[in-house]
Amino acid sequence: MKQLSSILLLFFSLSGFAQSIQPVNPVRFLALGDSYTYGQGVSQQERWPEQFAIELTKLNFQVDEVRLIAQTGWTTTALQQAINLQMPLEGYNLVSLLIGVNNQFFGGSIQTYSIQFQALLEQAISLAGGKPERVFVLSIPDYAYTPFGNGNPAISAEIDAFNNANRTITAQYQVRYVDITPISRLGLQQPELVANDNLHPSGLMYRLWVEEILQYVEKELAVDETESKTPRVFLSGGQLNIISESSAQFMVVNSGGSVVVQGNIYGGRQKSIPMQEFSAGIYLIQIQNDQGELWTMKMYLRSAE
């Protein structure tokens, strides 16, 4: 049996697709990325994750932790390696992903970037408890609009191509995509938006990014998580895990229509299903609670190369 390298969950429910960012209290925020998340050229307080956390508190969220896994110069490969070194990463309920500028800068292919970005997004969803509404992706800024980039149109064209790839993938996962690239293109017109290194954003530009992100934060959902009856489904430790607030029946069906596994979930408890005997392919997960509400999820399993 081949080792399974990744999982993708697309959530369908009675409430439709998740396109907003839905934090819950207390917020434990994990920001994944490169220099734009690390905040090269600015103070810690000026980094956009730190500014974002402050704004969340103004919206009556309790922010217990802000953790960055990000460094200047990181590509998708470097970010993945850093995440792997810090596993297990548990207890986070809000995760951001901004990565790709160094793939472009070092001449990486969009095909390779797309594969690696997809794997990172899958992992971000898993780290957020399998909930896409608690993940958001930021587009790659355009450094052509800095003194370093000197308005080079070739840079802008390549950044657009990389962003087209990550935007398409993000939409497939029903994760909120926040397009901050237009803001980054104000850098030559408004020099105060560029840090003193003439390449990275200043704290003022990061502030504009945060304002853009806040447009998608669904404030009315900042309540006790137990109020939601939507089942939680996530992959952890080689197991498919299902949690339902109310008692429910579940069924996993393969692409040929055969039932692979089925059973019952008792309210508030977790059902863990070992994945070692699952073959690569597409599966449907159906969960119906004792009130008759039905959720269907599509799961993709890929074999390791």
Protein backbone atom coordinates (compact mmCIF):
# COMPACT_ATOMS: atom_id res chain seq x y z
CA MET A 1 0.00 0.00 0.00
CA LYS A 2 1.43 3.37 -1.00
CA GLN A 3 1.85 6.02 1.65
CA LEU A 4 -0.74 8.78 1.44
CA SER A 5 0.87 12.17 1.18
CA SER A 6 -2.03 14.59 1.34
CA ILE A 7 -5.70 15.15 1.90
CA LEU A 8 -8.12 17.75 0.57
CA LEU A 9 -11.49 18.35 2.16
CA LEU A 10 -14.07 20.44 0.34
CA PHE A 11 -16.87 21.25 2.76
CA PHE A 12 -20.50 21.32 1.63
CA SER A 13 -23.19 22.00 4.21
CA LEU A 14 -26.68 23.41 4.62
CA SER A 15 -25.13 26.83 5.15
CA GLY A 16 -23.14 26.74 1.88
CA PHE A 17 -19.49 27.44 1.19
CA ALA A 18 -17.24 29.24 3.65
CA GLN A 19 -15.84 32.39 2.07
CA SER A 20 -15.56 34.57 5.14
CA ILE A 21 -12.92 34.40 7.87
CA GLN A 22 -14.56 33.09 11.01
CA PRO A 23 -12.33 33.35 14.12
CA VAL A 24 -13.53 31.96 17.44
CA ASN A 25 -12.53 32.83 20.99
CA PRO A 26 -9.91 32.50 22.25
CA VAL A 27 -7.96 33.14 19.04
CA ARG A 28 -4.70 31.25 18.53
CA PHE A 29 -3.28 32.59 15.28
CA LEU A 30 -0.60 30.87 13.20
CA ALA A 31 0.85 32.95 10.32
CA LEU A 32 2.79 31.04 7.64
CA GLY A 33 4.94 32.77 5.05
CA ASP A 34 8.13 34.57 4.11
CA SER A 35 9.56 38.07 4.60
CA TYR A 36 6.13 39.66 4.13
CA THR A 37 4.81 37.82 7.18
CA TYR A 38 8.07 38.03 9.13
CA GLY A 39 8.06 41.79 8.59
CA GLN A 40 11.52 42.35 7.14
CA GLY A 41 12.49 46.00 7.59
CA VAL A 42 9.89 46.87 10.25
CA SER A 43 9.52 46.44 13.99
CA GLN A 44 7.68 43.50 15.50
CA GLN A 45 4.71 45.72 16.35
CA GLU A 46 4.44 46.84 12.72
CA ARG A 47 4.21 43.35 11.25
CA TRP A 48 0.81 42.74 9.73
CA PRO A 49 0.02 39.67 11.93
CA GLU A 50 0.65 41.76 15.04
CA GLN A 51 -1.47 44.64 13.76
CA PHE A 52 -4.20 42.19 12.77
CA ALA A 53 -4.24 40.70 16.27
CA ILE A 54 -4.69 44.17 17.78
CA GLU A 55 -7.64 44.83 15.49
CA LEU A 56 -9.21 41.50 16.45
CA THR A 57 -9.14 42.55 20.09
CA LYS A 58 -11.00 45.72 19.12
CA LEU A 59 -13.68 43.42 17.68
CA ASN A 60 -13.99 41.76 21.10
CA PHE A 61 -11.91 38.71 20.25
CA GLN A 62 -9.55 37.39 22.89
CA VAL A 63 -6.19 36.76 21.18
CA ASP A 64 -4.19 34.26 23.22
CA GLU A 65 -1.33 33.65 20.79
CA VAL A 66 0.21 34.96 17.59
CA ARG A 67 2.87 32.65 16.18
CA LEU A 68 4.88 33.19 13.00
CA ILE A 69 6.54 30.49 10.94
CA ALA A 70 8.11 32.82 8.39
CA GLN A 71 11.54 34.05 7.34
CA THR A 72 13.02 36.31 4.69
CA GLY A 73 13.95 34.42 1.54
CA TRP A 74 11.74 31.40 2.11
CA THR A 75 10.21 29.62 -0.87
CA THR A 76 7.38 27.11 -0.63
CA THR A 77 10.00 24.39 -0.13
CA ALA A 78 11.68 26.21 2.77
CA LEU A 79 8.35 26.98 4.43
CA GLN A 80 7.25 23.36 4.21
CA GLN A 81 10.53 22.19 5.72
CA ALA A 82 10.20 24.69 8.57
CA ILE A 83 6.65 23.57 9.33
CA ASN A 84 7.71 19.93 9.34
CA LEU A 85 10.51 20.68 11.81
CA GLN A 86 8.05 22.32 14.21
CA MET A 87 5.38 19.64 14.12
CA PRO A 88 3.22 18.84 15.95
CA LEU A 89 1.50 22.21 15.77
CA GLU A 90 -1.71 21.89 17.75
CA GLY A 91 -4.43 24.10 19.13
CA TYR A 92 -4.49 26.79 16.41
CA ASN A 93 -7.88 28.01 15.21
CA LEU A 94 -6.83 30.72 12.75
CA VAL A 95 -4.14 30.22 10.09
CA SER A 96 -2.86 32.49 7.30
CA LEU A 97 -0.71 31.65 4.30
CA LEU A 98 1.31 34.07 2.17
CA ILE A 99 4.08 32.48 0.10
CA GLY A 100 5.52 32.60 -3.41
CA VAL A 101 7.51 35.76 -4.04
CA ASN A 102 10.82 33.94 -3.65
CA ASN A 103 9.67 31.16 -5.97
CA GLN A 104 9.23 33.90 -8.56
CA PHE A 105 12.43 35.76 -7.62
CA PHE A 106 14.61 32.65 -7.93
CA GLY A 107 13.05 31.63 -11.25
CA GLY A 108 10.96 28.72 -10.02
CA SER A 109 8.28 27.22 -12.22
CA ILE A 110 4.60 27.95 -11.67
CA GLN A 111 3.86 24.23 -12.00
CA THR A 112 6.14 23.33 -9.09
CA TYR A 113 4.86 26.28 -7.08
CA SER A 114 1.25 25.23 -7.64
CA ILE A 115 1.88 21.70 -6.36
CA GLN A 116 3.74 22.93 -3.29
CA PHE A 117 1.28 25.74 -2.57
CA GLN A 118 -1.60 23.27 -2.69
CA ALA A 119 0.15 21.01 -0.20
CA LEU A 120 0.77 23.99 2.11
CA LEU A 121 -2.86 25.08 1.89
CA GLU A 122 -4.02 21.55 2.71
CA GLN A 123 -1.74 21.60 5.73
CA ALA A 124 -2.98 25.04 6.79
CA ILE A 125 -6.56 23.72 6.78
CA SER A 126 -5.50 20.70 8.80
CA LEU A 127 -3.66 22.92 11.32
CA ALA A 128 -6.86 24.98 11.67
CA GLY A 129 -8.77 21.89 12.75
CA GLY A 130 -9.95 20.99 9.26
CA LYS A 131 -12.02 24.16 8.97
CA PRO A 132 -11.42 26.23 5.79
CA GLU A 133 -13.34 29.18 7.26
CA ARG A 134 -10.50 29.59 9.75
CA VAL A 135 -7.85 29.89 7.05
CA PHE A 136 -7.10 32.79 4.74
CA VAL A 137 -4.59 33.30 1.94
CA LEU A 138 -2.94 36.59 1.01
CA SER A 139 -1.86 37.25 -2.57
CA ILE A 140 1.81 37.82 -3.40
CA PRO A 141 2.75 41.52 -3.26
CA ASP A 142 4.35 43.12 -6.32
CA TYR A 143 7.85 44.32 -5.45
CA ALA A 144 8.20 45.89 -8.90
CA TYR A 145 6.53 48.91 -7.28
CA THR A 146 9.48 49.60 -4.99
CA PRO A 147 12.79 51.39 -5.61
CA PHE A 148 14.40 47.93 -5.77
CA GLY A 149 11.98 46.73 -8.47
CA ASN A 150 12.15 50.06 -10.30
CA GLY A 151 8.78 49.55 -11.99
CA ASN A 152 9.94 46.49 -13.96
CA PRO A 153 6.85 45.25 -15.88
CA ALA A 154 8.34 41.76 -16.26
CA ILE A 155 8.23 41.33 -12.47
CA SER A 156 4.59 42.40 -12.37
CA ALA A 157 3.65 39.96 -15.14
CA GLU A 158 5.30 37.07 -13.30
CA ILE A 159 3.72 38.02 -9.98
CA ASP A 160 0.32 38.06 -11.69
CA ALA A 161 0.95 34.57 -13.10
CA PHE A 162 1.88 33.18 -9.69
CA ASN A 163 -1.14 34.85 -8.11
CA ASN A 164 -3.44 33.41 -10.77
CA ALA A 165 -2.21 29.98 -9.71
CA ASN A 166 -2.62 30.45 -5.95
CA ARG A 167 -5.99 32.19 -6.37
CA THR A 168 -7.37 29.28 -8.38
CA ILE A 169 -6.18 26.71 -5.87
CA THR A 170 -7.50 28.71 -2.93
CA ALA A 171 -10.94 28.94 -4.52
CA GLN A 172 -11.04 25.16 -4.95
CA TYR A 173 -10.66 24.79 -1.19
CA GLN A 174 -13.35 27.38 -0.38
CA VAL A 175 -10.80 29.44 1.57
CA ARG A 176 -10.94 33.24 1.66
CA TYR A 177 -8.43 34.84 -0.71
CA VAL A 178 -7.39 38.38 0.24
CA ASP A 179 -5.94 40.29 -2.71
CA ILE A 180 -3.44 42.77 -1.32
CA THR A 181 -1.43 43.04 -4.58
CA PRO A 182 -3.19 46.25 -5.69
CA ILE A 183 -2.21 47.85 -2.39
CA SER A 184 1.42 46.81 -2.91
CA ARG A 185 1.36 48.62 -6.27
CA LEU A 186 1.06 51.96 -4.50
CA GLY A 187 4.69 51.74 -3.38
CA LEU A 188 6.26 53.98 -6.01
CA GLN A 189 3.41 56.47 -5.89
CA GLN A 190 3.49 56.66 -2.08
CA PRO A 191 7.08 56.10 -0.86
CA GLU A 192 5.98 56.07 2.77
CA LEU A 193 4.44 52.65 2.08
CA VAL A 194 7.90 51.14 1.50
CA ALA A 195 10.32 50.28 4.30
CA ASN A 196 13.78 51.84 4.57
CA ASP A 197 15.33 48.86 2.75
CA ASN A 198 13.57 50.08 -0.45
CA LEU A 199 12.05 46.64 -1.01
CA HIS A 200 9.65 45.53 1.68
CA PRO A 201 6.40 47.11 2.91
CA SER A 202 6.41 49.65 5.70
CA GLY A 203 4.19 49.41 8.74
CA LEU A 204 1.80 51.80 7.01
CA MET A 205 1.35 49.43 4.08
CA TYR A 206 0.86 46.50 6.43
CA ARG A 207 -1.87 48.56 8.07
CA LEU A 208 -3.65 48.77 4.71
CA TRP A 209 -3.35 45.01 4.33
CA VAL A 210 -4.97 44.51 7.72
CA GLU A 211 -7.84 46.81 6.76
CA GLU A 212 -8.38 44.66 3.67
CA ILE A 213 -8.35 41.43 5.68
CA LEU A 214 -10.81 42.83 8.22
CA GLN A 215 -13.43 43.24 5.50
CA TYR A 216 -13.77 39.45 5.43
CA VAL A 217 -13.79 38.76 9.17
CA GLU A 218 -17.27 37.57 10.12
CA LYS A 219 -17.69 39.29 13.45
CA GLU A 220 -21.09 37.84 14.27
CA LEU A 221 -19.57 34.38 14.42
CA ALA A 222 -17.20 35.34 17.23
CA VAL A 223 -19.12 33.20 19.71
CA ASP A 224 -18.66 30.02 21.65
CA GLU A 225 -17.68 27.34 19.18
CA THR A 226 -20.10 24.85 20.74
CA GLU A 227 -23.00 26.80 19.23
CA SER A 228 -22.12 25.44 15.80
CA LYS A 229 -23.66 22.09 14.89
CA THR A 230 -21.58 21.69 11.74
CA PRO A 231 -19.44 18.53 12.05
CA ARG A 232 -15.69 18.97 12.26
CA VAL A 233 -13.65 16.76 9.92
CA PHE A 234 -9.85 16.74 9.80
CA LEU A 235 -6.80 14.58 9.19
CA SER A 236 -4.31 14.03 12.01
CA GLY A 237 -1.81 11.29 12.80
CA GLY A 238 -2.79 9.19 9.78
CA GLN A 239 -6.44 9.15 10.83
CA LEU A 240 -9.62 10.70 9.51
CA ASN A 241 -11.29 12.35 12.49
CA ILE A 242 -14.96 13.33 12.75
CA ILE A 243 -16.54 15.28 15.60
CA SER A 244 -20.27 16.01 15.74
CA GLU A 245 -21.92 18.13 18.44
CA SER A 246 -25.02 15.94 18.17
CA SER A 247 -25.29 12.20 17.64
CA ALA A 248 -24.93 11.27 13.99
CA GLN A 249 -24.34 8.51 11.49
CA PHE A 250 -21.45 8.67 9.03
CA MET A 251 -20.51 6.87 5.84
CA VAL A 252 -17.37 6.97 3.67
CA VAL A 253 -17.97 5.96 0.04
CA ASN A 254 -15.29 5.46 -2.63
CA SER A 255 -15.48 6.63 -6.23
CA GLY A 256 -16.96 3.30 -7.27
CA GLY A 257 -19.93 3.78 -4.95
CA SER A 258 -18.84 1.16 -2.40
CA VAL A 259 -19.08 1.90 1.31
CA VAL A 260 -15.58 1.81 2.78
CA VAL A 261 -16.57 2.42 6.39
CA GLN A 262 -19.67 3.53 8.27
CA GLY A 263 -20.74 3.93 11.85
CA ASN A 264 -22.16 6.13 14.55
CA ILE A 265 -20.85 9.22 16.32
CA TYR A 266 -22.13 10.06 19.76
CA GLY A 267 -22.68 13.74 20.50
CA GLY A 268 -19.53 15.64 21.36
CA ARG A 269 -17.27 12.64 20.85
CA GLN A 270 -14.58 12.08 18.23
CA LYS A 271 -14.61 9.19 15.78
CA SER A 272 -11.14 8.35 14.42
CA ILE A 273 -10.76 6.20 11.32
CA PRO A 274 -7.30 4.80 10.42
CA MET A 275 -6.33 5.75 6.86
CA GLN A 276 -3.59 3.19 6.27
CA GLU A 277 -5.85 0.84 4.32
CA PHE A 278 -7.38 3.57 2.15
CA SER A 279 -6.20 3.65 -1.46
CA ALA A 280 -5.47 6.89 -3.29
CA GLY A 281 -8.56 8.35 -4.89
CA ILE A 282 -11.75 10.34 -4.30
CA TYR A 283 -14.13 9.62 -1.43
CA LEU A 284 -17.42 11.08 -0.27
CA ILE A 285 -18.03 11.52 3.45
CA GLN A 286 -21.68 11.77 4.46
CA ILE A 287 -22.76 12.75 7.97
CA GLN A 288 -26.40 12.91 9.09
CA ASN A 289 -27.29 13.98 12.61
CA ASP A 290 -30.29 12.91 14.64
CA GLN A 291 -32.18 16.05 13.54
CA GLY A 292 -31.96 14.89 9.92
CA GLU A 293 -29.40 17.52 8.85
CA LEU A 294 -27.07 16.13 6.17
CA TRP A 295 -23.51 17.19 5.32
CA THR A 296 -21.49 15.84 2.41
CA MET A 297 -17.75 16.32 2.01
CA LYS A 298 -15.43 15.32 -0.81
CA MET A 299 -12.04 13.94 0.15
CA TYR A 300 -9.03 13.49 -2.14
CA LEU A 301 -6.18 11.19 -1.15
CA ARG A 302 -2.92 11.30 -3.08
CA SER A 303 -0.15 8.71 -3.07
CA ALA A 304 3.35 9.83 -2.15
CA GLU A 305 5.62 9.97 -5.16
